[in-house]
Protein backbone atom coordinates (compact mmCIF):
# COMPACT_ATOMS: atom_id res chain seq x y z
CA MET A 1 92.42 -52.32 -5.08
CA ALA A 2 93.12 -52.76 -8.78
CA SER A 3 92.55 -56.53 -8.71
CA MET A 4 89.38 -56.08 -6.66
CA LEU A 5 88.01 -53.59 -9.20
CA GLN A 6 88.75 -55.94 -12.07
CA ALA A 7 87.03 -58.83 -10.26
CA VAL A 8 83.93 -56.75 -9.58
CA MET A 9 83.75 -55.58 -13.19
CA ALA A 10 84.19 -59.13 -14.55
CA GLU A 11 81.42 -60.42 -12.30
CA SER A 12 79.12 -57.59 -13.38
CA ILE A 13 79.57 -58.23 -17.08
CA GLY A 14 78.99 -61.93 -16.52
CA GLN A 15 75.61 -61.20 -15.02
CA ASN A 16 74.53 -58.43 -17.37
CA THR A 17 74.07 -59.08 -21.08
CA CYS A 18 71.71 -56.23 -21.86
CA TYR A 19 74.31 -54.75 -24.16
CA MET A 20 73.03 -57.33 -26.66
CA CYS A 21 69.62 -55.70 -26.52
CA SER A 22 68.51 -52.84 -28.69
CA GLY A 23 66.56 -49.64 -28.35
CA ALA A 24 65.30 -48.65 -24.92
CA SER A 25 66.80 -51.71 -23.21
CA GLN A 26 70.28 -50.91 -24.44
CA GLU A 27 69.94 -47.26 -23.41
CA ALA A 28 68.85 -48.32 -19.95
CA TRP A 29 71.84 -50.64 -19.73
CA LEU A 30 74.23 -47.88 -20.79
CA GLU A 31 72.74 -45.52 -18.19
CA ALA A 32 73.19 -48.17 -15.53
CA GLU A 33 76.81 -48.72 -16.57
CA SER A 34 77.47 -45.00 -16.47
CA ALA A 35 75.93 -44.65 -13.02
CA THR A 36 77.95 -47.61 -11.71
CA ALA A 37 81.22 -46.21 -13.10
CA ALA A 38 80.46 -42.76 -11.64
CA ALA A 39 79.77 -44.27 -8.23
CA GLN A 40 83.00 -46.26 -8.33
CA VAL A 41 85.18 -43.29 -9.24
CA GLU A 42 83.47 -41.14 -6.61
CA SER A 43 84.28 -43.70 -3.93
CA ILE A 44 87.91 -43.60 -5.06
CA LEU A 45 88.29 -39.82 -5.21
CA TYR A 46 86.54 -39.08 -1.92
CA SER A 47 88.18 -41.83 0.10
CA GLU A 48 90.67 -40.73 2.75
CA GLN A 49 92.87 -43.73 1.96
CA GLY A 50 92.93 -42.68 -1.70
CA TRP A 51 95.23 -39.76 -0.99
CA GLY A 52 97.85 -41.78 0.79
CA PRO A 53 100.89 -43.29 -0.93
CA GLY A 54 100.13 -45.61 -3.83
CA GLN A 55 101.54 -49.08 -4.26
CA GLN A 56 104.37 -47.76 -6.42
CA LEU A 57 105.42 -45.33 -3.68
CA ILE A 58 105.41 -48.10 -1.10
CA VAL A 59 107.77 -50.10 -3.31
CA GLU A 60 110.01 -47.03 -3.78
CA GLU A 61 110.02 -46.13 -0.08
CA GLY A 62 113.13 -44.24 0.94
CA ARG A 63 113.77 -42.51 -2.38
CA PRO A 64 112.84 -38.81 -2.70
CA ALA A 65 110.02 -37.95 -5.06
CA TRP A 66 112.13 -35.83 -7.41
CA GLN A 67 114.28 -38.83 -8.29
CA LEU A 68 111.31 -40.93 -9.46
CA ASP A 69 109.53 -40.88 -12.81
CA VAL A 70 106.08 -40.89 -11.18
CA TRP A 71 104.82 -40.16 -7.66
CA PRO A 72 101.13 -41.09 -7.74
CA PRO A 73 98.75 -41.15 -4.77
CA ARG A 74 96.71 -44.33 -4.36
CA ALA A 75 93.64 -42.70 -5.91
CA ALA A 76 95.49 -42.16 -9.19
CA GLU A 77 96.44 -45.83 -9.40
CA ASP A 78 92.86 -46.89 -8.58
CA VAL A 79 91.37 -44.60 -11.23
CA VAL A 80 93.70 -46.03 -13.87
CA ALA A 81 92.83 -49.58 -12.76
CA LEU A 82 89.14 -48.75 -13.08
CA VAL A 83 89.63 -47.33 -16.58
CA GLU A 84 91.60 -50.42 -17.64
CA SER A 85 88.81 -52.68 -16.34
CA LEU A 86 86.17 -50.72 -18.22
CA LEU A 87 88.18 -50.86 -21.44
CA HIS A 88 88.74 -54.58 -20.96
CA ARG A 89 84.99 -55.15 -20.89
CA MET A 90 84.61 -53.86 -24.44
CA ARG A 91 85.51 -57.32 -25.76
CA TYR A 92 82.05 -58.47 -24.66
CA ILE A 93 80.32 -55.75 -26.74
CA PRO A 94 80.43 -56.59 -30.45
CA GLN A 95 78.25 -53.76 -31.81
CA PRO A 96 80.23 -50.61 -32.75
CA ASP A 97 77.38 -48.29 -31.72
CA ALA A 98 77.11 -49.99 -28.34
CA GLN A 99 80.89 -49.71 -27.92
CA GLU A 100 80.82 -45.97 -28.56
CA GLY A 101 77.95 -45.46 -26.14
CA TYR A 102 79.61 -47.60 -23.50
CA LEU A 103 82.95 -45.79 -23.76
CA ALA A 104 81.33 -42.36 -23.60
CA GLY A 105 79.01 -43.31 -20.77
CA ALA A 106 81.47 -45.27 -18.64
CA VAL A 107 85.11 -44.46 -19.43
CA GLY A 108 84.30 -40.89 -20.47
CA VAL A 109 82.33 -40.27 -17.28
CA VAL A 110 85.09 -41.66 -15.06
CA LEU A 111 87.79 -39.50 -16.62
CA GLU A 112 85.63 -36.38 -16.79
CA GLN A 113 84.62 -36.75 -13.15
CA THR A 114 88.23 -37.37 -12.12
CA HIS A 115 89.52 -34.33 -13.99
CA GLY A 116 86.79 -32.15 -12.49
CA ARG A 117 87.60 -33.27 -8.96
CA ILE A 118 91.32 -32.55 -9.31
CA LYS A 119 90.64 -29.21 -10.97
CA ARG A 120 88.34 -28.14 -8.13
CA MET A 121 90.95 -29.10 -5.54
CA LEU A 122 93.53 -26.94 -7.29
CA GLN A 123 91.11 -24.05 -7.70
CA GLN A 124 90.45 -24.17 -3.99
CA ALA A 125 94.17 -23.75 -3.36
CA ASP A 126 94.23 -20.87 -5.83
CA VAL A 127 91.51 -19.04 -3.88
CA PHE A 128 93.79 -18.79 -0.86
CA ARG A 129 96.66 -17.53 -3.06
CA ASP A 130 99.26 -19.23 -0.91
CA ILE A 131 100.13 -22.42 -2.74
CA THR A 132 103.72 -22.36 -1.45
CA SER A 133 102.64 -22.55 2.21
CA TYR A 134 103.35 -25.74 4.12
CA SER A 135 99.61 -26.43 4.40
CA TRP A 136 98.79 -26.10 0.68
CA LEU A 137 102.02 -27.10 -1.06
CA PRO A 138 101.72 -30.88 -0.44
CA ARG A 139 98.12 -30.86 -1.70
CA VAL A 140 98.98 -28.95 -4.85
CA CYS A 141 101.96 -31.20 -5.56
CA MET A 142 99.81 -34.28 -4.98
CA CYS A 143 97.25 -33.09 -7.54
CA ILE A 144 100.00 -32.31 -10.05
CA CYS A 145 101.50 -35.79 -9.65
CA PHE A 146 98.01 -37.28 -9.91
CA CYS A 147 97.52 -35.61 -13.29
CA HIS A 148 100.97 -36.64 -14.49
CA TYR A 149 100.44 -40.30 -13.60
CA VAL A 150 96.97 -40.53 -15.16
CA GLU A 151 98.19 -38.70 -18.25
CA GLN A 152 101.09 -41.13 -18.69
CA GLN A 153 98.95 -44.23 -18.18
CA LEU A 154 96.23 -43.03 -20.54
CA GLN A 155 98.88 -42.21 -23.14
CA GLU A 156 100.20 -45.76 -22.85
CA LEU A 157 96.70 -47.18 -23.35
CA HIS A 158 96.26 -44.86 -26.34
CA ASP A 159 99.57 -45.95 -27.86
CA ASN A 160 98.72 -49.62 -27.41
CA ALA A 161 95.39 -49.11 -29.17
CA GLN A 162 97.14 -47.24 -31.97
CA VAL A 163 99.60 -50.12 -32.42
CA MET A 164 96.71 -52.57 -32.58
CA VAL A 165 94.92 -50.55 -35.26
CA THR A 166 98.12 -50.37 -37.31
CA ARG A 167 98.90 -54.06 -36.96
CA LEU A 168 95.35 -55.11 -37.85
CA LEU A 169 95.40 -52.89 -40.91
CA GLU A 170 98.77 -54.22 -42.04
CA GLY A 171 97.67 -57.80 -41.36
CA GLN A 172 94.47 -57.35 -43.34
CA GLN A 173 96.39 -55.84 -46.24
CA GLN A 174 98.81 -58.76 -46.17
CA GLN A 175 95.95 -61.24 -46.02
CA ASP A 176 94.16 -59.58 -48.92
CA GLY A 177 97.38 -59.65 -50.94
CA ASN A 178 97.94 -63.34 -50.24
CA ALA A 179 94.33 -64.16 -51.12
CA HIS A 180 94.63 -62.25 -54.38
CA GLN A 181 97.82 -64.07 -55.30
CA GLU A 182 96.26 -67.43 -54.46
CA GLN A 183 93.21 -66.61 -56.53
CA ARG A 184 95.37 -65.69 -59.52
CA HIS A 185 97.39 -68.88 -59.13
CA GLN A 186 94.27 -71.04 -59.04
CA GLN A 187 92.85 -69.24 -62.06
CA GLN A 188 96.05 -69.88 -64.00
CA GLN A 189 95.99 -73.56 -63.07
CA HIS A 190 92.37 -73.78 -64.13
CA ASP A 191 93.05 -72.15 -67.52
CA LEU A 192 95.92 -74.56 -68.36
CA PRO A 193 94.83 -78.22 -68.94
CA ASN A 194 96.83 -80.46 -66.60
CA GLY A 195 98.84 -77.30 -65.78
CA ASN A 196 101.27 -78.12 -68.66
CA HIS A 197 102.23 -75.69 -71.44
CA ALA A 198 104.88 -77.89 -72.97
CA HIS A 199 102.72 -80.81 -74.19
CA PRO A 200 99.73 -79.61 -76.20
CA HIS A 201 98.85 -83.20 -77.22
CA HIS A 202 97.92 -83.89 -73.58
CA MET A 203 94.59 -82.18 -74.06
CA HIS A 204 92.41 -84.92 -72.61
CA PRO A 205 91.62 -84.55 -68.95
CA GLN A 206 92.65 -87.27 -66.52
CA PRO A 207 89.91 -89.40 -65.01
CA HIS A 208 89.75 -87.45 -61.78
CA GLN A 209 89.61 -84.24 -63.77
CA GLN A 210 86.75 -85.59 -65.84
CA HIS A 211 84.91 -86.40 -62.64
CA ASN A 212 85.30 -82.77 -61.53
CA GLY A 213 84.21 -81.51 -64.86
CA GLY A 214 87.58 -79.73 -65.30
CA HIS A 215 86.69 -77.10 -62.73
CA ALA A 216 89.08 -75.58 -60.15
CA PRO A 217 88.98 -77.12 -56.65
CA ASP A 218 86.25 -75.84 -54.37
CA THR A 219 87.62 -73.03 -52.14
CA SER A 220 84.39 -72.04 -50.43
CA ASP A 221 85.63 -73.20 -46.99
CA GLY A 222 88.77 -71.10 -47.33
CA ASP A 223 86.82 -68.08 -48.50
CA GLN A 224 84.43 -68.40 -45.58
CA GLN A 225 87.30 -68.63 -43.11
CA GLN A 226 88.89 -65.53 -44.61
CA GLN A 227 85.59 -63.70 -44.38
CA TRP A 228 85.27 -64.60 -40.71
CA GLN A 229 88.83 -63.44 -40.10
CA ARG A 230 88.14 -60.18 -41.88
CA GLN A 231 85.03 -59.56 -39.78
CA GLU A 232 86.92 -60.30 -36.59
CA ASN A 233 89.74 -57.95 -37.57
CA GLU A 234 87.24 -55.23 -38.42
CA GLN A 235 85.58 -55.58 -35.01
CA LEU A 236 88.94 -55.45 -33.22
CA SER A 237 90.00 -52.45 -35.28
CA GLN A 238 86.74 -50.63 -34.58
CA ALA A 239 87.11 -51.30 -30.84
CA ALA A 240 90.71 -50.04 -30.83
CA ALA A 241 89.73 -46.95 -32.82
CA ALA A 242 86.91 -46.27 -30.35
CA LYS A 243 89.44 -46.41 -27.51
CA LEU A 244 91.61 -43.89 -29.33
CA ARG A 245 88.72 -41.47 -29.64
CA VAL A 246 87.67 -41.69 -26.00
CA LEU A 247 91.24 -41.26 -24.67
CA VAL A 248 92.49 -38.34 -26.76
CA SER A 249 90.60 -35.57 -24.98
CA PRO A 250 91.27 -36.73 -21.38
CA ILE A 251 95.00 -37.06 -22.11
CA SER A 252 95.03 -33.46 -23.30
CA ASP A 253 92.94 -32.28 -20.34
CA PHE A 254 95.17 -33.86 -17.69
CA SER A 255 98.31 -32.69 -19.49
CA THR A 256 97.05 -29.11 -19.72
CA LEU A 257 96.05 -29.03 -16.05
CA ARG A 258 99.41 -30.42 -14.98
CA LYS A 259 101.42 -27.96 -17.06
CA GLU A 260 99.30 -25.02 -15.89
CA TRP A 261 99.88 -25.78 -12.22
CA VAL A 262 103.53 -26.66 -12.57
CA LEU A 263 104.06 -23.20 -14.06
CA LYS A 264 101.89 -21.63 -11.36
CA LEU A 265 103.99 -23.30 -8.70
CA GLY A 266 107.20 -22.08 -10.31
CA LYS A 267 105.79 -18.57 -10.64
CA ALA A 268 104.68 -18.60 -6.99
CA ALA A 269 108.18 -19.63 -5.93
CA ALA A 270 109.70 -16.77 -7.91
CA MET A 271 107.21 -14.24 -6.54
CA GLY A 272 107.88 -15.35 -2.97
CA PHE A 273 111.60 -14.99 -3.54
CA MET A 274 111.23 -11.52 -5.02
CA ARG A 275 108.98 -10.37 -2.15
CA LEU A 276 111.70 -11.26 0.33
CA ALA A 277 114.38 -9.71 -1.89
CA VAL A 278 112.55 -6.40 -2.36
CA GLY A 279 115.10 -4.52 -0.27
CA TYR A 280 117.93 -6.02 -2.30
CA VAL A 281 116.30 -5.00 -5.59
CA SER A 282 115.08 -1.54 -4.63
CA GLY A 283 117.96 -0.41 -2.38
CA ARG A 284 120.82 -1.29 -4.76
CA THR A 285 123.28 0.20 -2.25
CA TRP A 286 125.34 -2.98 -2.24
CA PHE A 287 126.51 -2.30 -5.78
CA LYS A 288 127.97 1.14 -5.05
CA VAL A 289 130.32 -0.06 -2.32
CA THR A 290 134.03 0.67 -2.62
CA SER A 291 136.82 -1.85 -2.87
CA GLU A 292 137.68 -1.29 0.80
CA SER A 293 134.32 -2.84 1.74
CA LEU A 294 135.29 -6.10 0.11
CA PRO A 295 139.06 -6.36 0.68
CA ALA A 296 139.40 -10.04 -0.05
CA MET A 297 137.67 -9.84 -3.38
CA ALA A 298 139.33 -6.59 -4.37
CA ALA A 299 142.83 -7.76 -3.53
CA GLU A 300 142.63 -11.32 -4.85
CA GLY A 301 140.03 -10.92 -7.58
CA SER A 302 138.16 -13.88 -6.08
CA LEU A 303 134.49 -13.77 -7.04
CA TYR A 304 133.11 -16.77 -5.20
CA SER A 305 135.43 -18.18 -2.54
CA SER A 306 135.65 -15.37 0.01
CA GLY A 307 132.70 -13.09 -0.74
CA ILE A 308 129.75 -12.60 1.61
CA VAL A 309 126.25 -12.63 0.17
CA SER A 310 124.37 -9.34 0.38
CA GLY A 311 122.43 -9.14 3.63
CA ASP A 312 119.17 -8.13 1.93
CA LEU A 313 119.33 -11.24 -0.26
CA GLN A 314 120.07 -13.85 2.40
CA PRO A 315 116.47 -14.32 3.69
CA ALA A 316 115.18 -14.80 0.15
CA LEU A 317 117.84 -17.41 -0.59
CA ALA A 318 117.10 -19.31 2.63
CA TRP A 319 113.35 -19.30 1.91
CA LEU A 320 113.86 -20.47 -1.67
CA ALA A 321 116.17 -23.30 -0.60
CA ALA A 322 113.61 -24.53 1.96
CA LEU A 323 110.77 -24.32 -0.56
CA LEU A 324 112.66 -26.27 -3.24
CA HIS A 325 113.54 -28.94 -0.67
CA GLU A 326 109.87 -29.29 0.25
CA MET A 327 108.80 -29.40 -3.39
CA SER A 328 111.40 -32.09 -4.11
CA ASN A 329 109.72 -34.30 -1.51
CA HIS A 330 106.32 -34.08 -3.21
CA LEU A 331 106.90 -33.75 -6.97
CA ASP A 332 108.13 -36.42 -9.37
CA LYS A 333 111.21 -35.91 -11.54
CA ASP A 334 109.68 -34.19 -14.57
CA CYS A 335 107.21 -32.03 -12.65
CA PHE A 336 109.85 -30.87 -10.17
CA ARG A 337 112.33 -30.03 -12.91
CA GLN A 338 109.70 -28.00 -14.76
CA ALA A 339 108.62 -26.21 -11.59
CA TRP A 340 112.06 -25.16 -10.40
CA GLY A 341 113.02 -24.38 -14.01
CA ALA A 342 110.07 -21.98 -14.25
CA ALA A 343 111.08 -20.40 -10.93
CA ALA A 344 114.69 -19.97 -12.04
CA ALA A 345 113.65 -18.41 -15.35
CA ALA A 346 111.38 -15.90 -13.62
CA ILE A 347 114.02 -14.98 -11.00
CA ASN A 348 116.67 -14.60 -13.69
CA ARG A 349 114.39 -12.26 -15.65
CA GLU A 350 113.48 -10.15 -12.60
CA LEU A 351 117.04 -9.73 -11.34
CA PHE A 352 118.38 -9.02 -14.79
CA ASN A 353 115.76 -6.38 -15.54
CA ASN A 354 115.65 -4.75 -12.10
CA VAL A 355 119.23 -5.11 -10.91
CA ALA A 356 121.66 -5.76 -13.76
CA CYS A 357 119.91 -3.21 -16.01
CA GLU A 358 119.03 -0.64 -13.31
CA ALA A 359 121.68 -0.42 -10.57
CA MET A 360 124.96 1.50 -10.81
CA PHE A 361 128.02 -0.71 -10.27
CA THR A 362 131.43 0.10 -8.86
CA ASP A 363 134.27 -2.43 -9.20
CA ALA A 364 133.40 -3.97 -5.84
CA GLY A 365 129.68 -3.75 -6.57
CA ALA A 366 130.11 -5.77 -9.78
CA LEU A 367 132.01 -8.40 -7.81
CA GLN A 368 129.23 -8.38 -5.19
CA LEU A 369 126.64 -9.13 -7.84
CA ALA A 370 128.75 -12.10 -8.96
CA VAL A 371 128.88 -13.41 -5.38
CA ASP A 372 125.11 -13.02 -4.97
CA VAL A 373 124.26 -14.73 -8.25
CA ASN A 374 126.66 -17.56 -7.48
CA ALA A 375 124.86 -18.07 -4.15
CA LEU A 376 121.53 -18.05 -5.98
CA GLN A 377 122.75 -20.71 -8.39
CA GLY A 378 123.97 -22.72 -5.42
CA VAL A 379 120.37 -23.14 -4.26
CA PHE A 380 119.65 -25.05 -7.49
CA ARG A 381 122.96 -26.93 -7.64
CA GLN A 382 121.55 -29.86 -5.66
CA TYR A 383 119.05 -30.54 -8.44
CA THR A 384 121.09 -29.86 -11.57
CA ALA A 385 124.72 -30.08 -12.58
CA ARG A 386 124.45 -26.87 -14.62
CA PRO A 387 122.48 -24.24 -12.70
CA ALA A 388 124.23 -21.45 -14.60
CA ALA A 389 122.36 -22.56 -17.73
CA HIS A 390 119.17 -21.19 -16.14
CA PHE A 391 120.66 -17.75 -15.37
CA ARG A 392 122.32 -16.99 -18.68
CA GLU A 393 121.40 -13.31 -18.96
CA LEU A 394 122.50 -12.61 -15.39
CA ASN A 395 125.81 -14.38 -15.92
CA ASP A 396 126.42 -12.51 -19.16
CA ALA A 397 125.75 -9.22 -17.37
CA ILE A 398 128.24 -10.20 -14.66
CA LYS A 399 130.89 -10.91 -17.29
CA LEU A 400 130.39 -7.48 -18.83
CA LEU A 401 130.38 -5.66 -15.50
CA ASN A 402 133.58 -7.35 -14.37
CA LEU A 403 135.65 -6.66 -17.48
CA GLN A 404 138.88 -4.74 -16.91
CA GLN A 405 138.38 -1.05 -17.61
CA GLU A 406 140.36 -0.91 -20.86
CA GLN A 407 138.61 -3.95 -22.32
CA ALA A 408 135.26 -2.73 -20.98
CA GLU A 409 135.64 0.62 -22.75
CA PHE A 410 136.42 -1.13 -26.02
CA VAL A 411 133.36 -3.41 -25.73
CA LYS A 412 131.15 -0.53 -24.62
CA GLN A 413 132.08 1.51 -27.68
CA ALA A 414 131.51 -1.47 -29.99
CA VAL A 415 127.96 -2.11 -28.71
CA SER A 416 126.83 1.50 -28.22
CA ALA A 417 123.76 2.42 -30.21
CA ASP A 418 125.29 5.41 -32.00
CA ARG A 419 128.70 3.81 -32.84
CA ARG A 420 127.86 0.09 -32.97
CA ALA A 421 130.45 -2.03 -34.74
CA PRO A 422 129.25 -4.39 -37.49
CA ASN A 423 130.81 -7.30 -35.61
CA ALA A 424 129.38 -6.33 -32.20
CA ALA A 425 127.72 -9.72 -31.66
CA GLU A 426 130.95 -11.56 -32.44
CA LEU A 427 132.88 -9.23 -30.15
CA LEU A 428 130.51 -10.06 -27.28
CA LYS A 429 131.07 -13.77 -27.86
CA SER A 430 134.83 -13.20 -27.70
CA VAL A 431 134.45 -12.05 -24.07
CA GLY A 432 132.12 -14.91 -23.17
CA VAL A 433 128.78 -13.15 -23.66
CA TYR A 434 126.55 -15.42 -25.75
CA HIS A 435 122.98 -14.60 -24.72
CA LEU A 436 122.74 -10.78 -24.78
CA GLU A 437 122.02 -8.78 -27.89
CA PRO A 438 124.15 -5.65 -28.42
CA ASP A 439 121.25 -3.41 -27.28
CA LEU A 440 121.02 -5.14 -23.89
CA ALA A 441 124.79 -5.26 -23.58
CA ASP A 442 124.88 -1.50 -24.17
CA THR A 443 122.32 -1.02 -21.37
CA VAL A 444 124.40 -3.07 -18.93
CA MET A 445 127.71 -1.39 -19.87
CA SER A 446 126.22 2.07 -19.35
CA LEU A 447 125.78 1.28 -15.63
CA ARG A 448 129.48 0.67 -14.94
CA MET A 449 131.07 3.33 -12.71
CA TYR A 450 134.78 2.20 -12.65
CA ARG A 451 135.73 3.14 -9.11
């Protein structure tokens, strides 16, 4: 598809030279170019084949999406190929004004139309307010990966243009410096007869010098060549700068849309989890159980090996695990990491605020919370080696709630609001609590029942 687009565009520019015209003819040509580009991108975005796997996915067949840097549908690859072809055609347009009009009317239209189409598709999913369902999730993920791929490719084109501008500027400065040095050298040779300071009696010009009238050699050919080179560099620099201007806004637009929907997806995952865990959060009966209810943990002090996850939390964990697995099949590496990271952060915040800072905890109940949070972290363990890093506040609360009573009383007194020790923060670090301020630690410690 990409090669076909480039061939069509090359043939078109070979047949159409109206960009050399001026006034109404040039405007008509620019309108025609804009209409052609709009029709091409529409055929890409509304083609059924465009939303199948792209060439890069065919090459990477067998690897899950979340292990790949990009996961573009075919339409994303075709849009980028179209943009590259349109930018390539600028070399046939020498006039800066015509270049600006062409970029705005062709490349700008393509990217604006593409962004609008993807945004409308996502808004349609938002209307149904069920973007984590099996019918909408693949579409949302596909649009997110579309934005990510186009954003990356446009950024690469932008960076290449920036490098060209810099190199042309540095080359022109170097050329100007060399020309200045050469001019000074020639002037010095012209001012010194025969170029010799040491023999003033050699004041008579040589025959060939007399023929030239004692003037410096003619450098008009060199000056003309330098002038042509300067003009060419200026045209190339203007074209590269025009590319920079037309690409900046679309890069930002696609990046913003991608980030917005990655966060929405993560938030939706967290909200779905919390809906299923509402009984776990509101009941809080699991945390008032006695040691006899959890004999293995009470007798051995084992937090993770023999504990059973709270019954009210199990459906939420199963749903979250299935959702993350489905997302991992449709989102590329960066987008998936950001999405599940947003979900983990929201879940951590909700459970910390509504469980760790609200429920009353017996000895066994504190151990139960540790078992539950460990199971929650296990859902993310397939995708990160350090899931605990995303549940820092919850893990700190668990450490405080599971302190031995004598040590717990000492810490509680040190962080209490009315008798807070000057070194309260350092004391918390000494028991492994690094992410809770003394005020929050005081809230958590006040919920410990010690029975």
